[in-house]
PDB file of N, CA and C in Angstrom:
ATOM      1  N   MET A   1       0.845  -1.163   0.000  1.00  0.00           N
ATOM      2  CA  MET A   1       0.000   0.000   0.000  1.00  0.00           C
ATOM      3  C   MET A   1       0.899   1.238   0.000  1.00  0.00           C
ATOM      4  N   SER A   2       0.488   2.246  -0.771  1.00  0.00           N
ATOM      5  CA  SER A   2       1.274   3.471  -0.838  1.00  0.00           C
ATOM      6  C   SER A   2       0.347   4.668  -0.675  1.00  0.00           C
ATOM      7  N   VAL A   3       0.937   5.755  -0.294  1.00  0.00           N
ATOM      8  CA  VAL A   3       0.207   7.004  -0.107  1.00  0.00           C
ATOM      9  C   VAL A   3       0.694   7.984  -1.156  1.00  0.00           C
ATOM     10  N   ARG A   4      -0.249   8.597  -1.819  1.00  0.00           N
ATOM     11  CA  ARG A   4       0.096   9.590  -2.820  1.00  0.00           C
ATOM     12  C   ARG A   4      -0.348  10.955  -2.323  1.00  0.00           C
ATOM     13  N   ARG A   5       0.552  11.895  -2.325  1.00  0.00           N
ATOM     14  CA  ARG A   5       0.238  13.235  -1.839  1.00  0.00           C
ATOM     15  C   ARG A   5       0.348  14.219  -2.992  1.00  0.00           C
ATOM     16  N   THR A   6      -0.648  15.082  -3.105  1.00  0.00           N
ATOM     17  CA  THR A   6      -0.616  16.121  -4.132  1.00  0.00           C
ATOM     18  C   THR A   6      -0.833  17.466  -3.459  1.00  0.00           C
ATOM     19  N   ASP A   7      -0.211  18.467  -4.021  1.00  0.00           N
ATOM     20  CA  ASP A   7      -0.393  19.830  -3.522  1.00  0.00           C
ATOM     21  C   ASP A   7      -1.408  20.525  -4.415  1.00  0.00           C
ATOM     22  N   ASN A   8      -2.519  20.901  -3.830  1.00  0.00           N
ATOM     23  CA  ASN A   8      -3.568  21.587  -4.568  1.00  0.00           C
ATOM     24  C   ASN A   8      -3.402  23.087  -4.434  1.00  0.00           C
ATOM     25  N   GLY A   9      -3.778  23.787  -5.477  1.00  0.00           N
ATOM     26  CA  GLY A   9      -3.804  25.235  -5.417  1.00  0.00           C
ATOM     27  C   GLY A   9      -5.117  25.701  -4.803  1.00  0.00           C
ATOM     28  N   VAL A  10      -5.308  26.990  -4.779  1.00  0.00           N
ATOM     29  CA  VAL A  10      -6.512  27.565  -4.187  1.00  0.00           C
ATOM     30  C   VAL A  10      -7.753  27.142  -4.966  1.00  0.00           C
ATOM     31  N   VAL A  11      -7.671  27.171  -6.295  1.00  0.00           N
ATOM     32  CA  VAL A  11      -8.830  26.823  -7.118  1.00  0.00           C
ATOM     33  C   VAL A  11      -9.200  25.353  -6.923  1.00  0.00           C
ATOM     34  N   ALA A  12      -8.206  24.471  -6.884  1.00  0.00           N
ATOM     35  CA  ALA A  12      -8.485  23.046  -6.684  1.00  0.00           C
ATOM     36  C   ALA A  12      -9.088  22.793  -5.309  1.00  0.00           C
ATOM     37  N   THR A  13      -8.609  23.497  -4.299  1.00  0.00           N
ATOM     38  CA  THR A  13      -9.166  23.349  -2.958  1.00  0.00           C
ATOM     39  C   THR A  13     -10.617  23.806  -2.915  1.00  0.00           C
ATOM     40  N   LEU A  14     -10.910  24.942  -3.522  1.00  0.00           N
ATOM     41  CA  LEU A  14     -12.289  25.429  -3.559  1.00  0.00           C
ATOM     42  C   LEU A  14     -13.181  24.483  -4.358  1.00  0.00           C
ATOM     43  N   THR A  15     -12.652  23.908  -5.430  1.00  0.00           N
ATOM     44  CA  THR A  15     -13.427  22.954  -6.225  1.00  0.00           C
ATOM     45  C   THR A  15     -13.745  21.715  -5.403  1.00  0.00           C
ATOM     46  N   ASN A  16     -12.768  21.202  -4.669  1.00  0.00           N
ATOM     47  CA  ASN A  16     -13.004  20.030  -3.823  1.00  0.00           C
ATOM     48  C   ASN A  16     -14.013  20.327  -2.719  1.00  0.00           C
ATOM     49  N   LEU A  17     -13.947  21.513  -2.138  1.00  0.00           N
ATOM     50  CA  LEU A  17     -14.933  21.890  -1.119  1.00  0.00           C
ATOM     51  C   LEU A  17     -16.315  22.000  -1.746  1.00  0.00           C
ATOM     52  N   HIS A  18     -16.374  22.538  -2.955  1.00  0.00           N
ATOM     53  CA  HIS A  18     -17.656  22.701  -3.633  1.00  0.00           C
ATOM     54  C   HIS A  18     -18.282  21.338  -3.960  1.00  0.00           C
ATOM     55  N   LYS A  19     -17.452  20.393  -4.379  1.00  0.00           N
ATOM     56  CA  LYS A  19     -17.953  19.067  -4.728  1.00  0.00           C
ATOM     57  C   LYS A  19     -18.193  18.200  -3.499  1.00  0.00           C
ATOM     58  N   GLY A  20     -17.638  18.577  -2.371  1.00  0.00           N
ATOM     59  CA  GLY A  20     -17.804  17.769  -1.162  1.00  0.00           C
ATOM     60  C   GLY A  20     -16.897  16.556  -1.134  1.00  0.00           C
ATOM     61  N   THR A  21     -15.764  16.648  -1.793  1.00  0.00           N
ATOM     62  CA  THR A  21     -14.830  15.533  -1.859  1.00  0.00           C
ATOM     63  C   THR A  21     -14.336  15.168  -0.460  1.00  0.00           C
ATOM     64  N   GLY A  22     -14.526  13.924  -0.086  1.00  0.00           N
ATOM     65  CA  GLY A  22     -14.039  13.444   1.203  1.00  0.00           C
ATOM     66  C   GLY A  22     -14.909  13.820   2.386  1.00  0.00           C
ATOM     67  N   MET A  23     -16.061  14.377   2.146  1.00  0.00           N
ATOM     68  CA  MET A  23     -16.949  14.795   3.232  1.00  0.00           C
ATOM     69  C   MET A  23     -18.035  13.748   3.452  1.00  0.00           C
ATOM     70  N   PRO A  24     -18.518  13.630   4.676  1.00  0.00           N
ATOM     71  CA  PRO A  24     -19.619  12.698   4.927  1.00  0.00           C
ATOM     72  C   PRO A  24     -20.930  13.218   4.316  1.00  0.00           C
ATOM     73  N   VAL A  25     -21.868  12.309   4.128  1.00  0.00           N
ATOM     74  CA  VAL A  25     -23.138  12.643   3.483  1.00  0.00           C
ATOM     75  C   VAL A  25     -23.888  13.723   4.268  1.00  0.00           C
ATOM     76  N   ALA A  26     -23.840  13.668   5.595  1.00  0.00           N
ATOM     77  CA  ALA A  26     -24.546  14.664   6.414  1.00  0.00           C
ATOM     78  C   ALA A  26     -24.014  16.074   6.133  1.00  0.00           C
ATOM     79  N   TRP A  27     -22.708  16.208   5.979  1.00  0.00           N
ATOM     80  CA  TRP A  27     -22.117  17.517   5.706  1.00  0.00           C
ATOM     81  C   TRP A  27     -22.558  18.024   4.325  1.00  0.00           C
ATOM     82  N   ILE A  28     -22.562  17.149   3.328  1.00  0.00           N
ATOM     83  CA  ILE A  28     -22.974  17.533   1.981  1.00  0.00           C
ATOM     84  C   ILE A  28     -24.435  17.979   1.980  1.00  0.00           C
ATOM     85  N   LEU A  29     -25.292  17.248   2.690  1.00  0.00           N
ATOM     86  CA  LEU A  29     -26.700  17.631   2.768  1.00  0.00           C
ATOM     87  C   LEU A  29     -26.880  18.965   3.491  1.00  0.00           C
ATOM     88  N   LEU A  30     -26.100  19.198   4.542  1.00  0.00           N
ATOM     89  CA  LEU A  30     -26.178  20.469   5.271  1.00  0.00           C
ATOM     90  C   LEU A  30     -25.769  21.625   4.369  1.00  0.00           C
ATOM     91  N   VAL A  31     -24.664  21.472   3.678  1.00  0.00           N
ATOM     92  CA  VAL A  31     -24.183  22.541   2.794  1.00  0.00           C
ATOM     93  C   VAL A  31     -25.166  22.787   1.660  1.00  0.00           C
ATOM     94  N   ASP A  32     -25.708  21.716   1.075  1.00  0.00           N
ATOM     95  CA  ASP A  32     -26.700  21.884   0.006  1.00  0.00           C
ATOM     96  C   ASP A  32     -27.965  22.566   0.511  1.00  0.00           C
ATOM     97  N   THR A  33     -28.381  22.236   1.722  1.00  0.00           N
ATOM     98  CA  THR A  33     -29.556  22.871   2.306  1.00  0.00           C
ATOM     99  C   THR A  33     -29.315  24.357   2.553  1.00  0.00           C
ATOM    100  N   LEU A  34     -28.144  24.697   3.067  1.00  0.00           N
ATOM    101  CA  LEU A  34     -27.816  26.104   3.298  1.00  0.00           C
ATOM    102  C   LEU A  34     -27.752  26.874   1.981  1.00  0.00           C
ATOM    103  N   ALA A  35     -27.154  26.271   0.963  1.00  0.00           N
ATOM    104  CA  ALA A  35     -27.078  26.933  -0.349  1.00  0.00           C
ATOM    105  C   ALA A  35     -28.467  27.117  -0.934  1.00  0.00           C
ATOM    106  N   GLY A  36     -29.305  26.097  -0.818  1.00  0.00           N
ATOM    107  CA  GLY A  36     -30.665  26.206  -1.329  1.00  0.00           C
ATOM    108  C   GLY A  36     -31.481  27.246  -0.587  1.00  0.00           C
ATOM    109  N   SER A  37     -31.212  27.383   0.711  1.00  0.00           N
ATOM    110  CA  SER A  37     -31.971  28.358   1.492  1.00  0.00           C
ATOM    111  C   SER A  37     -31.581  29.795   1.157  1.00  0.00           C
ATOM    112  N   LEU A  38     -30.467  29.997   0.489  1.00  0.00           N
ATOM    113  CA  LEU A  38     -30.071  31.342   0.071  1.00  0.00           C
ATOM    114  C   LEU A  38     -30.759  31.775  -1.224  1.00  0.00           C
ATOM    115  N   ILE A  39     -31.353  30.833  -1.931  1.00  0.00           N
ATOM    116  CA  ILE A  39     -31.980  31.154  -3.214  1.00  0.00           C
ATOM    117  C   ILE A  39     -33.211  32.037  -3.017  1.00  0.00           C
ATOM    118  N   LEU A  40     -34.087  31.697  -2.068  1.00  0.00           N
ATOM    119  CA  LEU A  40     -35.321  32.463  -1.868  1.00  0.00           C
ATOM    120  C   LEU A  40     -35.048  33.919  -1.476  1.00  0.00           C
ATOM    121  N   PRO A  41     -34.197  34.193  -0.476  1.00  0.00           N
ATOM    122  CA  PRO A  41     -33.937  35.607  -0.169  1.00  0.00           C
ATOM    123  C   PRO A  41     -33.280  36.347  -1.330  1.00  0.00           C
ATOM    124  N   SER A  42     -32.449  35.667  -2.088  1.00  0.00           N
ATOM    125  CA  SER A  42     -31.808  36.319  -3.231  1.00  0.00           C
ATOM    126  C   SER A  42     -32.838  36.707  -4.281  1.00  0.00           C
ATOM    127  N   LEU A  43     -33.713  35.774  -4.615  1.00  0.00           N
ATOM    128  CA  LEU A  43     -34.733  36.065  -5.630  1.00  0.00           C
ATOM    129  C   LEU A  43     -35.736  37.104  -5.154  1.00  0.00           C
ATOM    130  N   SER A  44     -36.145  37.016  -3.892  1.00  0.00           N
ATOM    131  CA  SER A  44     -37.106  38.000  -3.390  1.00  0.00           C
ATOM    132  C   SER A  44     -36.472  39.385  -3.280  1.00  0.00           C
ATOM    133  N   GLY A  45     -35.211  39.440  -2.888  1.00  0.00           N
ATOM    134  CA  GLY A  45     -34.518  40.731  -2.836  1.00  0.00           C
ATOM    135  C   GLY A  45     -34.367  41.337  -4.219  1.00  0.00           C
ATOM    136  N   LEU A  46     -34.034  40.512  -5.185  1.00  0.00           N
ATOM    137  CA  LEU A  46     -33.917  40.995  -6.553  1.00  0.00           C
ATOM    138  C   LEU A  46     -35.277  41.480  -7.071  1.00  0.00           C
ATOM    139  N   ALA A  47     -36.331  40.732  -6.775  1.00  0.00           N
ATOM    140  CA  ALA A  47     -37.673  41.130  -7.214  1.00  0.00           C
ATOM    141  C   ALA A  47     -38.082  42.452  -6.572  1.00  0.00           C
ATOM    142  N   LEU A  48     -37.834  42.600  -5.267  1.00  0.00           N
ATOM    143  CA  LEU A  48     -38.188  43.857  -4.604  1.00  0.00           C
ATOM    144  C   LEU A  48     -37.403  45.027  -5.173  1.00  0.00           C
ATOM    145  N   TRP A  49     -36.149  44.797  -5.463  1.00  0.00           N
ATOM    146  CA  TRP A  49     -35.313  45.867  -5.992  1.00  0.00           C
ATOM    147  C   TRP A  49     -35.766  46.267  -7.392  1.00  0.00           C
ATOM    148  N   LEU A  50     -36.067  45.278  -8.234  1.00  0.00           N
ATOM    149  CA  LEU A  50     -36.476  45.585  -9.596  1.00  0.00           C
ATOM    150  C   LEU A  50     -37.879  46.166  -9.663  1.00  0.00           C
ATOM    151  N   LEU A  51     -38.728  45.843  -8.712  1.00  0.00           N
ATOM    152  CA  LEU A  51     -40.098  46.339  -8.734  1.00  0.00           C
ATOM    153  C   LEU A  51     -40.251  47.725  -8.118  1.00  0.00           C
ATOM    154  N   THR A  52     -39.218  48.202  -7.463  1.00  0.00           N
ATOM    155  CA  THR A  52     -39.250  49.558  -6.921  1.00  0.00           C
ATOM    156  C   THR A  52     -38.968  50.517  -8.079  1.00  0.00           C
ATOM    157  N   ARG A  53     -39.889  51.402  -8.356  1.00  0.00           N
ATOM    158  CA  ARG A  53     -39.820  52.248  -9.551  1.00  0.00           C
ATOM    159  C   ARG A  53     -38.557  53.117  -9.604  1.00  0.00           C
ATOM    160  N   ARG A  54     -38.207  53.733  -8.504  1.00  0.00           N
ATOM    161  CA  ARG A  54     -37.062  54.648  -8.514  1.00  0.00           C
ATOM    162  C   ARG A  54     -35.744  53.916  -8.753  1.00  0.00           C
ATOM    163  N   ARG A  55     -35.657  52.698  -8.286  1.00  0.00           N
ATOM    164  CA  ARG A  55     -34.390  51.982  -8.346  1.00  0.00           C
ATOM    165  C   ARG A  55     -34.350  50.912  -9.443  1.00  0.00           C
ATOM    166  N   ARG A  56     -35.339  50.885 -10.288  1.00  0.00           N
ATOM    167  CA  ARG A  56     -35.406  49.839 -11.305  1.00  0.00           C
ATOM    168  C   ARG A  56     -34.196  49.890 -12.241  1.00  0.00           C
ATOM    169  N   THR A  57     -33.822  51.068 -12.709  1.00  0.00           N
ATOM    170  CA  THR A  57     -32.693  51.199 -13.620  1.00  0.00           C
ATOM    171  C   THR A  57     -31.396  50.771 -12.950  1.00  0.00           C
ATOM    172  N   VAL A  58     -31.212  51.174 -11.720  1.00  0.00           N
ATOM    173  CA  VAL A  58     -30.009  50.781 -10.978  1.00  0.00           C
ATOM    174  C   VAL A  58     -29.968  49.269 -10.827  1.00  0.00           C
ATOM    175  N   GLY A  59     -31.083  48.665 -10.541  1.00  0.00           N
ATOM    176  CA  GLY A  59     -31.154  47.216 -10.396  1.00  0.00           C
ATOM    177  C   GLY A  59     -30.805  46.499 -11.688  1.00  0.00           C
ATOM    178  N   PHE A  60     -31.323  46.988 -12.816  1.00  0.00           N
ATOM    179  CA  PHE A  60     -31.009  46.377 -14.105  1.00  0.00           C
ATOM    180  C   PHE A  60     -29.527  46.517 -14.439  1.00  0.00           C
ATOM    181  N   VAL A  61     -28.956  47.675 -14.138  1.00  0.00           N
ATOM    182  CA  VAL A  61     -27.536  47.889 -14.434  1.00  0.00           C
ATOM    183  C   VAL A  61     -26.663  46.967 -13.585  1.00  0.00           C
ATOM    184  N   ILE A  62     -26.947  46.874 -12.309  1.00  0.00           N
ATOM    185  CA  ILE A  62     -26.158  46.008 -11.428  1.00  0.00           C
ATOM    186  C   ILE A  62     -26.337  44.544 -11.803  1.00  0.00           C
ATOM    187  N   PHE A  63     -27.567  44.141 -12.078  1.00  0.00           N
ATOM    188  CA  PHE A  63     -27.829  42.760 -12.464  1.00  0.00           C
ATOM    189  C   PHE A  63     -27.132  42.420 -13.784  1.00  0.00           C
ATOM    190  N   GLY A  64     -27.223  43.315 -14.752  1.00  0.00           N
ATOM    191  CA  GLY A  64     -26.576  43.084 -16.038  1.00  0.00           C
ATOM    192  C   GLY A  64     -25.060  43.023 -15.917  1.00  0.00           C
ATOM    193  N   THR A  65     -24.501  43.911 -15.117  1.00  0.00           N
ATOM    194  CA  THR A  65     -23.053  43.906 -14.894  1.00  0.00           C
ATOM    195  C   THR A  65     -22.606  42.610 -14.233  1.00  0.00           C
ATOM    196  N   ALA A  66     -23.343  42.169 -13.218  1.00  0.00           N
ATOM    197  CA  ALA A  66     -23.007  40.919 -12.541  1.00  0.00           C
ATOM    198  C   ALA A  66     -23.120  39.741 -13.494  1.00  0.00           C
ATOM    199  N   LEU A  67     -24.114  39.750 -14.355  1.00  0.00           N
ATOM    200  CA  LEU A  67     -24.296  38.670 -15.323  1.00  0.00           C
ATOM    201  C   LEU A  67     -23.135  38.632 -16.323  1.00  0.00           C
ATOM    202  N   VAL A  68     -22.720  39.800 -16.815  1.00  0.00           N
ATOM    203  CA  VAL A  68     -21.619  39.868 -17.778  1.00  0.00           C
ATOM    204  C   VAL A  68     -20.309  39.432 -17.129  1.00  0.00           C
ATOM    205  N   VAL A  69     -20.052  39.895 -15.912  1.00  0.00           N
ATOM    206  CA  VAL A  69     -18.812  39.516 -15.211  1.00  0.00           C
ATOM    207  C   VAL A  69     -18.793  38.010 -14.941  1.00  0.00           C
ATOM    208  N   THR A  70     -19.911  37.464 -14.509  1.00  0.00           N
ATOM    209  CA  THR A  70     -19.989  36.017 -14.244  1.00  0.00           C
ATOM    210  C   THR A  70     -19.766  35.225 -15.521  1.00  0.00           C
ATOM    211  N   ALA A  71     -20.398  35.621 -16.600  1.00  0.00           N
ATOM    212  CA  ALA A  71     -20.209  34.929 -17.883  1.00  0.00           C
ATOM    213  C   ALA A  71     -18.758  35.059 -18.350  1.00  0.00           C
ATOM    214  N   GLY A  72     -18.181  36.236 -18.191  1.00  0.00           N
ATOM    215  CA  GLY A  72     -16.780  36.425 -18.575  1.00  0.00           C
ATOM    216  C   GLY A  72     -15.830  35.552 -17.790  1.00  0.00           C
ATOM    217  N   LEU A  73     -16.059  35.446 -16.488  1.00  0.00           N
ATOM    218  CA  LEU A  73     -15.220  34.581 -15.658  1.00  0.00           C
ATOM    219  C   LEU A  73     -15.398  33.122 -16.023  1.00  0.00           C
ATOM    220  N   ALA A  74     -16.637  32.721 -16.322  1.00  0.00           N
ATOM    221  CA  ALA A  74     -16.888  31.336 -16.703  1.00  0.00           C
ATOM    222  C   ALA A  74     -16.219  30.998 -18.033  1.00  0.00           C
ATOM    223  N   ILE A  75     -16.283  31.910 -18.980  1.00  0.00           N
ATOM    224  CA  ILE A  75     -15.665  31.672 -20.282  1.00  0.00           C
ATOM    225  C   ILE A  75     -14.137  31.690 -20.165  1.00  0.00           C
ATOM    226  N   ALA A  76     -13.600  32.589 -19.367  1.00  0.00           N
ATOM    227  CA  ALA A  76     -12.144  32.673 -19.197  1.00  0.00           C
ATOM    228  C   ALA A  76     -11.595  31.453 -18.494  1.00  0.00           C
ATOM    229  N   HIS A  77     -12.411  30.803 -17.701  1.00  0.00           N
ATOM    230  CA  HIS A  77     -11.969  29.625 -16.935  1.00  0.00           C
ATOM    231  C   HIS A  77     -11.931  28.375 -17.797  1.00  0.00           C
ATOM    232  N   LEU A  78     -12.581  28.415 -18.959  1.00  0.00           N
ATOM    233  CA  LEU A  78     -12.575  27.267 -19.878  1.00  0.00           C
ATOM    234  C   LEU A  78     -11.282  27.240 -20.588  1.00  0.00           C
TER     235      LEU A  78
END
């Protein structure tokens, strides 16, 4: 039997944490539940912001900017 050791960078470590590599099922379910519970406040906050007449333009600009930056980072990572 042998042990293989690898040095991961920051991105690999974050990827392993995101995938739940080496974690028990209870931990993965807890993290997934917490992530899922953030969806409702995010969507309701976005809806409230976009439905407020005075701030609608600001909301669209921020949302569009975040969408473009996220897409750019995703494409650059490929």
